[in-house]
């Protein structure tokens, strides 16, 4: 599991390459890793998080006190699978997981 961290983001290609070279199936905390050849991403939908943040900013600009606004947790998560990476690793992703994927990279 490679978490969402600025240090890891700067070394994205290296991390994905090492995981592939050593045949280690990895799940990533940022979707960009999967688009770069990583196996799988599961995490929050950042677009949705930004929309929620904008809603809070709008309320504050209209006079709401930040302390009065509720703390929100993510409600939408995404699952992205790279089928090409799975095949290269010799990993069979169960059909039930593939059906749940929000995006499948082939």
PDB file of N, CA and C in Angstrom:
ATOM      1  N   UNK A   1       0.854  -1.175   0.000  1.00  0.00           N
ATOM      2  CA  UNK A   1       0.000   0.000   0.000  1.00  0.00           C
ATOM      3  C   UNK A   1       0.894   1.230   0.000  1.00  0.00           C
ATOM      4  N   UNK A   2       0.758   2.032  -1.024  1.00  0.00           N
ATOM      5  CA  UNK A   2       1.510   3.279  -1.128  1.00  0.00           C
ATOM      6  C   UNK A   2       0.530   4.404  -0.841  1.00  0.00           C
ATOM      7  N   UNK A   3       0.757   5.109   0.240  1.00  0.00           N
ATOM      8  CA  UNK A   3      -0.164   6.145   0.683  1.00  0.00           C
ATOM      9  C   UNK A   3       0.024   7.447  -0.084  1.00  0.00           C
ATOM     10  N   UNK A   4      -0.959   8.320   0.061  1.00  0.00           N
ATOM     11  CA  UNK A   4      -0.901   9.635  -0.566  1.00  0.00           C
ATOM     12  C   UNK A   4       0.060  10.498   0.234  1.00  0.00           C
ATOM     13  N   UNK A   5       1.219  10.775  -0.353  1.00  0.00           N
ATOM     14  CA  UNK A   5       2.260  11.532   0.331  1.00  0.00           C
ATOM     15  C   UNK A   5       3.072  12.278  -0.727  1.00  0.00           C
ATOM     16  N   UNK A   6       3.409  13.534  -0.486  1.00  0.00           N
ATOM     17  CA  UNK A   6       4.181  14.281  -1.480  1.00  0.00           C
ATOM     18  C   UNK A   6       5.500  13.611  -1.874  1.00  0.00           C
ATOM     19  N   UNK A   7       6.164  12.974  -0.920  1.00  0.00           N
ATOM     20  CA  UNK A   7       7.421  12.303  -1.233  1.00  0.00           C
ATOM     21  C   UNK A   7       7.192  11.173  -2.241  1.00  0.00           C
ATOM     22  N   UNK A   8       6.118  10.404  -2.049  1.00  0.00           N
ATOM     23  CA  UNK A   8       5.828   9.309  -2.961  1.00  0.00           C
ATOM     24  C   UNK A   8       5.404   9.831  -4.332  1.00  0.00           C
ATOM     25  N   UNK A   9       4.661  10.939  -4.350  1.00  0.00           N
ATOM     26  CA  UNK A   9       4.215  11.503  -5.624  1.00  0.00           C
ATOM     27  C   UNK A   9       5.388  11.908  -6.496  1.00  0.00           C
ATOM     28  N   UNK A  10       6.443  12.426  -5.885  1.00  0.00           N
ATOM     29  CA  UNK A  10       7.606  12.847  -6.663  1.00  0.00           C
ATOM     30  C   UNK A  10       8.386  11.650  -7.213  1.00  0.00           C
ATOM     31  N   UNK A  11       8.183  10.483  -6.628  1.00  0.00           N
ATOM     32  CA  UNK A  11       8.891   9.273  -7.055  1.00  0.00           C
ATOM     33  C   UNK A  11       7.943   8.257  -7.684  1.00  0.00           C
ATOM     34  N   UNK A  12       6.854   8.747  -8.243  1.00  0.00           N
ATOM     35  CA  UNK A  12       5.791   7.883  -8.775  1.00  0.00           C
ATOM     36  C   UNK A  12       6.291   6.841  -9.770  1.00  0.00           C
ATOM     37  N   UNK A  13       7.016   7.250 -10.797  1.00  0.00           N
ATOM     38  CA  UNK A  13       7.481   6.304 -11.816  1.00  0.00           C
ATOM     39  C   UNK A  13       8.427   5.272 -11.224  1.00  0.00           C
ATOM     40  N   UNK A  14       9.300   5.714 -10.331  1.00  0.00           N
ATOM     41  CA  UNK A  14      10.239   4.794  -9.685  1.00  0.00           C
ATOM     42  C   UNK A  14       9.497   3.748  -8.860  1.00  0.00           C
ATOM     43  N   UNK A  15       8.522   4.185  -8.080  1.00  0.00           N
ATOM     44  CA  UNK A  15       7.768   3.264  -7.219  1.00  0.00           C
ATOM     45  C   UNK A  15       6.986   2.257  -8.044  1.00  0.00           C
ATOM     46  N   UNK A  16       6.284   2.749  -9.070  1.00  0.00           N
ATOM     47  CA  UNK A  16       5.512   1.848  -9.938  1.00  0.00           C
ATOM     48  C   UNK A  16       6.452   0.869 -10.642  1.00  0.00           C
ATOM     49  N   UNK A  17       7.580   1.363 -11.104  1.00  0.00           N
ATOM     50  CA  UNK A  17       8.555   0.500 -11.782  1.00  0.00           C
ATOM     51  C   UNK A  17       9.133  -0.567 -10.869  1.00  0.00           C
ATOM     52  N   UNK A  18       9.455  -0.196  -9.640  1.00  0.00           N
ATOM     53  CA  UNK A  18       9.999  -1.175  -8.685  1.00  0.00           C
ATOM     54  C   UNK A  18       8.957  -2.230  -8.308  1.00  0.00           C
ATOM     55  N   UNK A  19       7.708  -1.793  -8.143  1.00  0.00           N
ATOM     56  CA  UNK A  19       6.643  -2.754  -7.823  1.00  0.00           C
ATOM     57  C   UNK A  19       6.482  -3.756  -8.963  1.00  0.00           C
ATOM     58  N   UNK A  20       6.531  -3.275 -10.197  1.00  0.00           N
ATOM     59  CA  UNK A  20       6.395  -4.166 -11.359  1.00  0.00           C
ATOM     60  C   UNK A  20       7.611  -5.094 -11.481  1.00  0.00           C
ATOM     61  N   UNK A  21       8.798  -4.534 -11.307  1.00  0.00           N
ATOM     62  CA  UNK A  21      10.034  -5.318 -11.438  1.00  0.00           C
ATOM     63  C   UNK A  21      10.114  -6.440 -10.405  1.00  0.00           C
ATOM     64  N   UNK A  22       9.679  -6.141  -9.186  1.00  0.00           N
ATOM     65  CA  UNK A  22       9.749  -7.138  -8.114  1.00  0.00           C
ATOM     66  C   UNK A  22       8.473  -7.972  -7.992  1.00  0.00           C
ATOM     67  N   UNK A  23       7.531  -7.735  -8.929  1.00  0.00           N
ATOM     68  CA  UNK A  23       6.280  -8.503  -8.971  1.00  0.00           C
ATOM     69  C   UNK A  23       5.464  -8.364  -7.680  1.00  0.00           C
ATOM     70  N   UNK A  24       5.433  -7.150  -7.129  1.00  0.00           N
ATOM     71  CA  UNK A  24       4.668  -6.890  -5.908  1.00  0.00           C
ATOM     72  C   UNK A  24       3.364  -6.186  -6.285  1.00  0.00           C
ATOM     73  N   UNK A  25       2.235  -6.828  -6.075  1.00  0.00           N
ATOM     74  CA  UNK A  25       0.959  -6.142  -6.329  1.00  0.00           C
ATOM     75  C   UNK A  25       0.788  -5.014  -5.313  1.00  0.00           C
ATOM     76  N   UNK A  26       0.539  -3.821  -5.795  1.00  0.00           N
ATOM     77  CA  UNK A  26       0.425  -2.670  -4.893  1.00  0.00           C
ATOM     78  C   UNK A  26      -0.868  -1.915  -5.152  1.00  0.00           C
ATOM     79  N   UNK A  27      -1.410  -1.369  -4.082  1.00  0.00           N
ATOM     80  CA  UNK A  27      -2.563  -0.492  -4.169  1.00  0.00           C
ATOM     81  C   UNK A  27      -2.074   0.892  -3.765  1.00  0.00           C
ATOM     82  N   UNK A  28      -2.555   1.890  -4.476  1.00  0.00           N
ATOM     83  CA  UNK A  28      -2.047   3.240  -4.308  1.00  0.00           C
ATOM     84  C   UNK A  28      -3.121   4.176  -3.780  1.00  0.00           C
ATOM     85  N   UNK A  29      -2.679   5.224  -3.081  1.00  0.00           N
ATOM     86  CA  UNK A  29      -3.588   6.210  -2.520  1.00  0.00           C
ATOM     87  C   UNK A  29      -3.859   7.373  -3.458  1.00  0.00           C
ATOM     88  N   UNK A  30      -3.261   7.326  -4.656  1.00  0.00           N
ATOM     89  CA  UNK A  30      -3.459   8.372  -5.663  1.00  0.00           C
ATOM     90  C   UNK A  30      -3.681   7.685  -7.011  1.00  0.00           C
ATOM     91  N   UNK A  31      -4.710   8.114  -7.712  1.00  0.00           N
ATOM     92  CA  UNK A  31      -5.073   7.483  -8.980  1.00  0.00           C
ATOM     93  C   UNK A  31      -3.980   7.613 -10.039  1.00  0.00           C
ATOM     94  N   UNK A  32      -3.171   8.654  -9.979  1.00  0.00           N
ATOM     95  CA  UNK A  32      -2.114   8.865 -10.969  1.00  0.00           C
ATOM     96  C   UNK A  32      -1.157   7.681 -11.057  1.00  0.00           C
ATOM     97  N   UNK A  33      -0.940   6.981  -9.950  1.00  0.00           N
ATOM     98  CA  UNK A  33      -0.043   5.826  -9.949  1.00  0.00           C
ATOM     99  C   UNK A  33      -0.579   4.722 -10.866  1.00  0.00           C
ATOM    100  N   UNK A  34      -1.876   4.533 -10.859  1.00  0.00           N
ATOM    101  CA  UNK A  34      -2.486   3.487 -11.689  1.00  0.00           C
ATOM    102  C   UNK A  34      -2.403   3.875 -13.159  1.00  0.00           C
ATOM    103  N   UNK A  35      -2.601   5.142 -13.436  1.00  0.00           N
ATOM    104  CA  UNK A  35      -2.489   5.617 -14.810  1.00  0.00           C
ATOM    105  C   UNK A  35      -1.055   5.535 -15.312  1.00  0.00           C
ATOM    106  N   UNK A  36      -0.092   5.497 -14.380  1.00  0.00           N
ATOM    107  CA  UNK A  36       1.324   5.361 -14.729  1.00  0.00           C
ATOM    108  C   UNK A  36       1.760   3.900 -14.792  1.00  0.00           C
ATOM    109  N   UNK A  37       0.808   2.969 -14.625  1.00  0.00           N
ATOM    110  CA  UNK A  37       1.135   1.547 -14.728  1.00  0.00           C
ATOM    111  C   UNK A  37       0.964   0.757 -13.459  1.00  0.00           C
ATOM    112  N   UNK A  38       0.553   1.397 -12.371  1.00  0.00           N
ATOM    113  CA  UNK A  38       0.326   0.695 -11.108  1.00  0.00           C
ATOM    114  C   UNK A  38      -0.917  -0.184 -11.180  1.00  0.00           C
ATOM    115  N   UNK A  39      -1.069  -1.052 -10.220  1.00  0.00           N
ATOM    116  CA  UNK A  39      -2.143  -2.044 -10.247  1.00  0.00           C
ATOM    117  C   UNK A  39      -3.512  -1.489  -9.878  1.00  0.00           C
ATOM    118  N   UNK A  40      -3.611  -0.813  -8.746  1.00  0.00           N
ATOM    119  CA  UNK A  40      -4.944  -0.492  -8.246  1.00  0.00           C
ATOM    120  C   UNK A  40      -4.928   0.772  -7.374  1.00  0.00           C
ATOM    121  N   UNK A  41      -6.009   1.530  -7.447  1.00  0.00           N
ATOM    122  CA  UNK A  41      -6.223   2.694  -6.589  1.00  0.00           C
ATOM    123  C   UNK A  41      -7.570   2.540  -5.914  1.00  0.00           C
ATOM    124  N   UNK A  42      -7.589   2.814  -4.614  1.00  0.00           N
ATOM    125  CA  UNK A  42      -8.849   2.920  -3.888  1.00  0.00           C
ATOM    126  C   UNK A  42      -8.707   4.084  -2.932  1.00  0.00           C
ATOM    127  N   UNK A  43      -9.568   5.057  -3.093  1.00  0.00           N
ATOM    128  CA  UNK A  43      -9.484   6.221  -2.220  1.00  0.00           C
ATOM    129  C   UNK A  43     -10.602   7.195  -2.490  1.00  0.00           C
ATOM    130  N   UNK A  44     -10.494   8.335  -1.849  1.00  0.00           N
ATOM    131  CA  UNK A  44     -11.551   9.342  -1.976  1.00  0.00           C
ATOM    132  C   UNK A  44     -11.551   9.946  -3.365  1.00  0.00           C
ATOM    133  N   UNK A  45     -12.733  10.363  -3.778  1.00  0.00           N
ATOM    134  CA  UNK A  45     -12.908  11.087  -5.030  1.00  0.00           C
ATOM    135  C   UNK A  45     -12.522  12.533  -4.750  1.00  0.00           C
ATOM    136  N   UNK A  46     -11.333  12.936  -5.193  1.00  0.00           N
ATOM    137  CA  UNK A  46     -10.832  14.274  -4.883  1.00  0.00           C
ATOM    138  C   UNK A  46     -11.710  15.367  -5.479  1.00  0.00           C
ATOM    139  N   UNK A  47     -12.298  15.134  -6.631  1.00  0.00           N
ATOM    140  CA  UNK A  47     -13.185  16.134  -7.229  1.00  0.00           C
ATOM    141  C   UNK A  47     -14.361  16.418  -6.302  1.00  0.00           C
ATOM    142  N   UNK A  48     -14.908  15.375  -5.726  1.00  0.00           N
ATOM    143  CA  UNK A  48     -16.020  15.534  -4.789  1.00  0.00           C
ATOM    144  C   UNK A  48     -15.573  16.272  -3.540  1.00  0.00           C
ATOM    145  N   UNK A  49     -14.370  15.979  -3.054  1.00  0.00           N
ATOM    146  CA  UNK A  49     -13.840  16.660  -1.870  1.00  0.00           C
ATOM    147  C   UNK A  49     -13.658  18.157  -2.145  1.00  0.00           C
ATOM    148  N   UNK A  50     -13.165  18.494  -3.332  1.00  0.00           N
ATOM    149  CA  UNK A  50     -12.990  19.900  -3.679  1.00  0.00           C
ATOM    150  C   UNK A  50     -14.341  20.615  -3.773  1.00  0.00           C
ATOM    151  N   UNK A  51     -15.348  19.942  -4.313  1.00  0.00           N
ATOM    152  CA  UNK A  51     -16.694  20.535  -4.376  1.00  0.00           C
ATOM    153  C   UNK A  51     -17.229  20.816  -2.979  1.00  0.00           C
ATOM    154  N   UNK A  52     -17.028  19.858  -2.068  1.00  0.00           N
ATOM    155  CA  UNK A  52     -17.496  20.043  -0.686  1.00  0.00           C
ATOM    156  C   UNK A  52     -16.746  21.200  -0.020  1.00  0.00           C
ATOM    157  N   UNK A  53     -15.453  21.302  -0.263  1.00  0.00           N
ATOM    158  CA  UNK A  53     -14.673  22.404   0.303  1.00  0.00           C
ATOM    159  C   UNK A  53     -15.171  23.739  -0.239  1.00  0.00           C
ATOM    160  N   UNK A  54     -15.473  23.793  -1.531  1.00  0.00           N
ATOM    161  CA  UNK A  54     -15.987  25.026  -2.133  1.00  0.00           C
ATOM    162  C   UNK A  54     -17.322  25.413  -1.512  1.00  0.00           C
ATOM    163  N   UNK A  55     -18.127  24.430  -1.186  1.00  0.00           N
ATOM    164  CA  UNK A  55     -19.412  24.695  -0.538  1.00  0.00           C
ATOM    165  C   UNK A  55     -19.193  25.344   0.833  1.00  0.00           C
ATOM    166  N   UNK A  56     -18.196  24.850   1.562  1.00  0.00           N
ATOM    167  CA  UNK A  56     -17.873  25.435   2.868  1.00  0.00           C
ATOM    168  C   UNK A  56     -17.371  26.875   2.703  1.00  0.00           C
ATOM    169  N   UNK A  57     -16.516  27.099   1.744  1.00  0.00           N
ATOM    170  CA  UNK A  57     -15.990  28.446   1.494  1.00  0.00           C
ATOM    171  C   UNK A  57     -17.138  29.389   1.145  1.00  0.00           C
ATOM    172  N   UNK A  58     -18.065  28.916   0.316  1.00  0.00           N
ATOM    173  CA  UNK A  58     -19.235  29.721  -0.052  1.00  0.00           C
ATOM    174  C   UNK A  58     -20.031  30.127   1.189  1.00  0.00           C
ATOM    175  N   UNK A  59     -20.249  29.189   2.087  1.00  0.00           N
ATOM    176  CA  UNK A  59     -21.002  29.485   3.314  1.00  0.00           C
ATOM    177  C   UNK A  59     -20.264  30.507   4.186  1.00  0.00           C
ATOM    178  N   UNK A  60     -18.942  30.374   4.262  1.00  0.00           N
ATOM    179  CA  UNK A  60     -18.143  31.313   5.062  1.00  0.00           C
ATOM    180  C   UNK A  60     -18.196  32.708   4.445  1.00  0.00           C
ATOM    181  N   UNK A  61     -18.085  32.775   3.116  1.00  0.00           N
ATOM    182  CA  UNK A  61     -18.142  34.078   2.449  1.00  0.00           C
ATOM    183  C   UNK A  61     -19.515  34.740   2.599  1.00  0.00           C
ATOM    184  N   UNK A  62     -20.524  33.925   2.839  1.00  0.00           N
ATOM    185  CA  UNK A  62     -21.877  34.460   3.043  1.00  0.00           C
ATOM    186  C   UNK A  62     -22.157  34.762   4.512  1.00  0.00           C
ATOM    187  N   UNK A  63     -21.127  34.618   5.361  1.00  0.00           N
ATOM    188  CA  UNK A  63     -21.274  35.025   6.753  1.00  0.00           C
ATOM    189  C   UNK A  63     -21.299  33.924   7.796  1.00  0.00           C
ATOM    190  N   UNK A  64     -21.276  32.672   7.393  1.00  0.00           N
ATOM    191  CA  UNK A  64     -21.282  31.583   8.383  1.00  0.00           C
ATOM    192  C   UNK A  64     -19.957  31.574   9.147  1.00  0.00           C
ATOM    193  N   UNK A  65     -20.028  31.207  10.402  1.00  0.00           N
ATOM    194  CA  UNK A  65     -18.819  31.074  11.212  1.00  0.00           C
ATOM    195  C   UNK A  65     -18.217  29.694  10.942  1.00  0.00           C
ATOM    196  N   UNK A  66     -16.939  29.640  10.645  1.00  0.00           N
ATOM    197  CA  UNK A  66     -16.314  28.341  10.382  1.00  0.00           C
ATOM    198  C   UNK A  66     -16.532  27.332  11.512  1.00  0.00           C
ATOM    199  N   UNK A  67     -16.535  27.789  12.744  1.00  0.00           N
ATOM    200  CA  UNK A  67     -16.712  26.889  13.887  1.00  0.00           C
ATOM    201  C   UNK A  67     -18.106  26.273  13.910  1.00  0.00           C
ATOM    202  N   UNK A  68     -19.064  26.909  13.241  1.00  0.00           N
ATOM    203  CA  UNK A  68     -20.436  26.399  13.224  1.00  0.00           C
ATOM    204  C   UNK A  68     -20.682  25.384  12.107  1.00  0.00           C
ATOM    205  N   UNK A  69     -19.750  25.294  11.174  1.00  0.00           N
ATOM    206  CA  UNK A  69     -19.928  24.354  10.055  1.00  0.00           C
ATOM    207  C   UNK A  69     -19.561  22.942  10.506  1.00  0.00           C
ATOM    208  N   UNK A  70     -20.304  21.958  10.038  1.00  0.00           N
ATOM    209  CA  UNK A  70     -20.016  20.579  10.444  1.00  0.00           C
ATOM    210  C   UNK A  70     -18.728  20.053   9.795  1.00  0.00           C
ATOM    211  N   UNK A  71     -18.068  19.192  10.517  1.00  0.00           N
ATOM    212  CA  UNK A  71     -16.913  18.493   9.952  1.00  0.00           C
ATOM    213  C   UNK A  71     -17.473  17.371   9.092  1.00  0.00           C
ATOM    214  N   UNK A  72     -16.966  17.270   7.882  1.00  0.00           N
ATOM    215  CA  UNK A  72     -17.466  16.252   6.965  1.00  0.00           C
ATOM    216  C   UNK A  72     -16.384  15.223   6.664  1.00  0.00           C
ATOM    217  N   UNK A  73     -16.830  14.009   6.474  1.00  0.00           N
ATOM    218  CA  UNK A  73     -15.937  12.942   6.052  1.00  0.00           C
ATOM    219  C   UNK A  73     -16.258  12.589   4.614  1.00  0.00           C
ATOM    220  N   UNK A  74     -15.302  12.023   3.900  1.00  0.00           N
ATOM    221  CA  UNK A  74     -15.580  11.631   2.513  1.00  0.00           C
ATOM    222  C   UNK A  74     -16.752  10.656   2.450  1.00  0.00           C
ATOM    223  N   UNK A  75     -17.551  10.816   1.419  1.00  0.00           N
ATOM    224  CA  UNK A  75     -18.683   9.905   1.224  1.00  0.00           C
ATOM    225  C   UNK A  75     -18.579   9.151  -0.096  1.00  0.00           C
ATOM    226  N   UNK A  76     -17.710   9.614  -0.973  1.00  0.00           N
ATOM    227  CA  UNK A  76     -17.565   8.960  -2.278  1.00  0.00           C
ATOM    228  C   UNK A  76     -16.124   8.479  -2.439  1.00  0.00           C
ATOM    229  N   UNK A  77     -16.000   7.207  -2.710  1.00  0.00           N
ATOM    230  CA  UNK A  77     -14.693   6.590  -2.922  1.00  0.00           C
ATOM    231  C   UNK A  77     -14.657   5.995  -4.321  1.00  0.00           C
ATOM    232  N   UNK A  78     -13.464   5.884  -4.873  1.00  0.00           N
ATOM    233  CA  UNK A  78     -13.294   5.336  -6.215  1.00  0.00           C
ATOM    234  C   UNK A  78     -12.372   4.123  -6.175  1.00  0.00           C
ATOM    235  N   UNK A  79     -12.664   3.186  -7.051  1.00  0.00           N
ATOM    236  CA  UNK A  79     -11.816   2.017  -7.255  1.00  0.00           C
ATOM    237  C   UNK A  79     -11.401   2.019  -8.719  1.00  0.00           C
ATOM    238  N   UNK A  80     -10.096   2.087  -8.960  1.00  0.00           N
ATOM    239  CA  UNK A  80      -9.558   2.075 -10.320  1.00  0.00           C
ATOM    240  C   UNK A  80      -8.590   0.907 -10.415  1.00  0.00           C
ATOM    241  N   UNK A  81      -8.766   0.097 -11.446  1.00  0.00           N
ATOM    242  CA  UNK A  81      -7.934  -1.098 -11.629  1.00  0.00           C
ATOM    243  C   UNK A  81      -7.256  -1.032 -12.987  1.00  0.00           C
ATOM    244  N   UNK A  82      -5.981  -1.367 -13.013  1.00  0.00           N
ATOM    245  CA  UNK A  82      -5.221  -1.444 -14.251  1.00  0.00           C
ATOM    246  C   UNK A  82      -5.113  -2.920 -14.632  1.00  0.00           C
ATOM    247  N   UNK A  83      -5.970  -3.346 -15.565  1.00  0.00           N
ATOM    248  CA  UNK A  83      -6.011  -4.762 -15.982  1.00  0.00           C
ATOM    249  C   UNK A  83      -4.708  -5.183 -16.649  1.00  0.00           C
ATOM    250  N   UNK A  84      -4.084  -4.271 -17.362  1.00  0.00           N
ATOM    251  CA  UNK A  84      -2.809  -4.575 -18.018  1.00  0.00           C
ATOM    252  C   UNK A  84      -1.730  -4.882 -16.982  1.00  0.00           C
ATOM    253  N   UNK A  85      -1.692  -4.092 -15.902  1.00  0.00           N
ATOM    254  CA  UNK A  85      -0.717  -4.327 -14.830  1.00  0.00           C
ATOM    255  C   UNK A  85      -0.999  -5.642 -14.124  1.00  0.00           C
ATOM    256  N   UNK A  86      -2.278  -5.950 -13.917  1.00  0.00           N
ATOM    257  CA  UNK A  86      -2.647  -7.213 -13.264  1.00  0.00           C
ATOM    258  C   UNK A  86      -2.171  -8.397 -14.097  1.00  0.00           C
ATOM    259  N   UNK A  87      -2.366  -8.307 -15.398  1.00  0.00           N
ATOM    260  CA  UNK A  87      -1.935  -9.391 -16.285  1.00  0.00           C
ATOM    261  C   UNK A  87      -0.417  -9.549 -16.244  1.00  0.00           C
ATOM    262  N   UNK A  88       0.310  -8.430 -16.262  1.00  0.00           N
ATOM    263  CA  UNK A  88       1.778  -8.479 -16.215  1.00  0.00           C
ATOM    264  C   UNK A  88       2.280  -9.091 -14.909  1.00  0.00           C
ATOM    265  N   UNK A  89       1.534  -8.875 -13.816  1.00  0.00           N
ATOM    266  CA  UNK A  89       1.904  -9.445 -12.515  1.00  0.00           C
ATOM    267  C   UNK A  89       1.460 -10.900 -12.368  1.00  0.00           C
ATOM    268  N   UNK A  90       0.605 -11.345 -13.286  1.00  0.00           N
ATOM    269  CA  UNK A  90       0.056 -12.687 -13.158  1.00  0.00           C
ATOM    270  C   UNK A  90      -1.011 -12.758 -12.080  1.00  0.00           C
ATOM    271  N   UNK A  91      -1.628 -11.606 -11.797  1.00  0.00           N
ATOM    272  CA  UNK A  91      -2.655 -11.513 -10.761  1.00  0.00           C
ATOM    273  C   UNK A  91      -4.026 -11.527 -11.403  1.00  0.00           C
ATOM    274  N   UNK A  92      -4.866 -12.436 -10.958  1.00  0.00           N
ATOM    275  CA  UNK A  92      -6.229 -12.486 -11.476  1.00  0.00           C
ATOM    276  C   UNK A  92      -7.127 -11.707 -10.532  1.00  0.00           C
ATOM    277  N   UNK A  93      -7.748 -10.668 -11.065  1.00  0.00           N
ATOM    278  CA  UNK A  93      -8.685  -9.867 -10.282  1.00  0.00           C
ATOM    279  C   UNK A  93     -10.056 -10.534 -10.396  1.00  0.00           C
ATOM    280  N   UNK A  94     -10.681 -10.875  -9.270  1.00  0.00           N
ATOM    281  CA  UNK A  94     -11.994 -11.515  -9.324  1.00  0.00           C
ATOM    282  C   UNK A  94     -13.025 -10.654 -10.058  1.00  0.00           C
ATOM    283  N   UNK A  95     -13.896 -11.301 -10.789  1.00  0.00           N
ATOM    284  CA  UNK A  95     -14.935 -10.616 -11.559  1.00  0.00           C
ATOM    285  C   UNK A  95     -15.775  -9.692 -10.675  1.00  0.00           C
ATOM    286  N   UNK A  96     -16.048 -10.121  -9.444  1.00  0.00           N
ATOM    287  CA  UNK A  96     -16.857  -9.300  -8.538  1.00  0.00           C
ATOM    288  C   UNK A  96     -16.174  -7.972  -8.226  1.00  0.00           C
ATOM    289  N   UNK A  97     -14.850  -7.955  -8.181  1.00  0.00           N
ATOM    290  CA  UNK A  97     -14.096  -6.721  -7.939  1.00  0.00           C
ATOM    291  C   UNK A  97     -14.081  -5.868  -9.211  1.00  0.00           C
ATOM    292  N   UNK A  98     -13.890  -6.517 -10.349  1.00  0.00           N
ATOM    293  CA  UNK A  98     -13.883  -5.775 -11.615  1.00  0.00           C
ATOM    294  C   UNK A  98     -15.219  -5.068 -11.840  1.00  0.00           C
ATOM    295  N   UNK A  99     -16.300  -5.708 -11.476  1.00  0.00           N
ATOM    296  CA  UNK A  99     -17.632  -5.116 -11.649  1.00  0.00           C
ATOM    297  C   UNK A  99     -17.837  -3.896 -10.744  1.00  0.00           C
ATOM    298  N   UNK A 100     -17.153  -3.868  -9.618  1.00  0.00           N
ATOM    299  CA  UNK A 100     -17.285  -2.751  -8.689  1.00  0.00           C
ATOM    300  C   UNK A 100     -16.390  -1.569  -9.054  1.00  0.00           C
ATOM    301  N   UNK A 101     -15.440  -1.783  -9.947  1.00  0.00           N
ATOM    302  CA  UNK A 101     -14.494  -0.728 -10.314  1.00  0.00           C
ATOM    303  C   UNK A 101     -15.205   0.451 -10.969  1.00  0.00           C
ATOM    304  N   UNK A 102     -14.806   1.649 -10.573  1.00  0.00           N
ATOM    305  CA  UNK A 102     -15.332   2.855 -11.201  1.00  0.00           C
ATOM    306  C   UNK A 102     -14.662   3.099 -12.546  1.00  0.00           C
ATOM    307  N   UNK A 103     -13.435   2.614 -12.669  1.00  0.00           N
ATOM    308  CA  UNK A 103     -12.685   2.771 -13.903  1.00  0.00           C
ATOM    309  C   UNK A 103     -11.778   1.565 -14.070  1.00  0.00           C
ATOM    310  N   UNK A 104     -11.734   1.048 -15.290  1.00  0.00           N
ATOM    311  CA  UNK A 104     -10.871  -0.092 -15.608  1.00  0.00           C
ATOM    312  C   UNK A 104      -9.943   0.326 -16.737  1.00  0.00           C
ATOM    313  N   UNK A 105      -8.656   0.273 -16.476  1.00  0.00           N
ATOM    314  CA  UNK A 105      -7.656   0.622 -17.491  1.00  0.00           C
ATOM    315  C   UNK A 105      -7.190  -0.670 -18.147  1.00  0.00           C
ATOM    316  N   UNK A 106      -7.345  -0.733 -19.474  1.00  0.00           N
ATOM    317  CA  UNK A 106      -6.960  -1.971 -20.170  1.00  0.00           C
ATOM    318  C   UNK A 106      -5.830  -1.745 -21.120  1.00  0.00           C
TER     319      UNK A 106
END
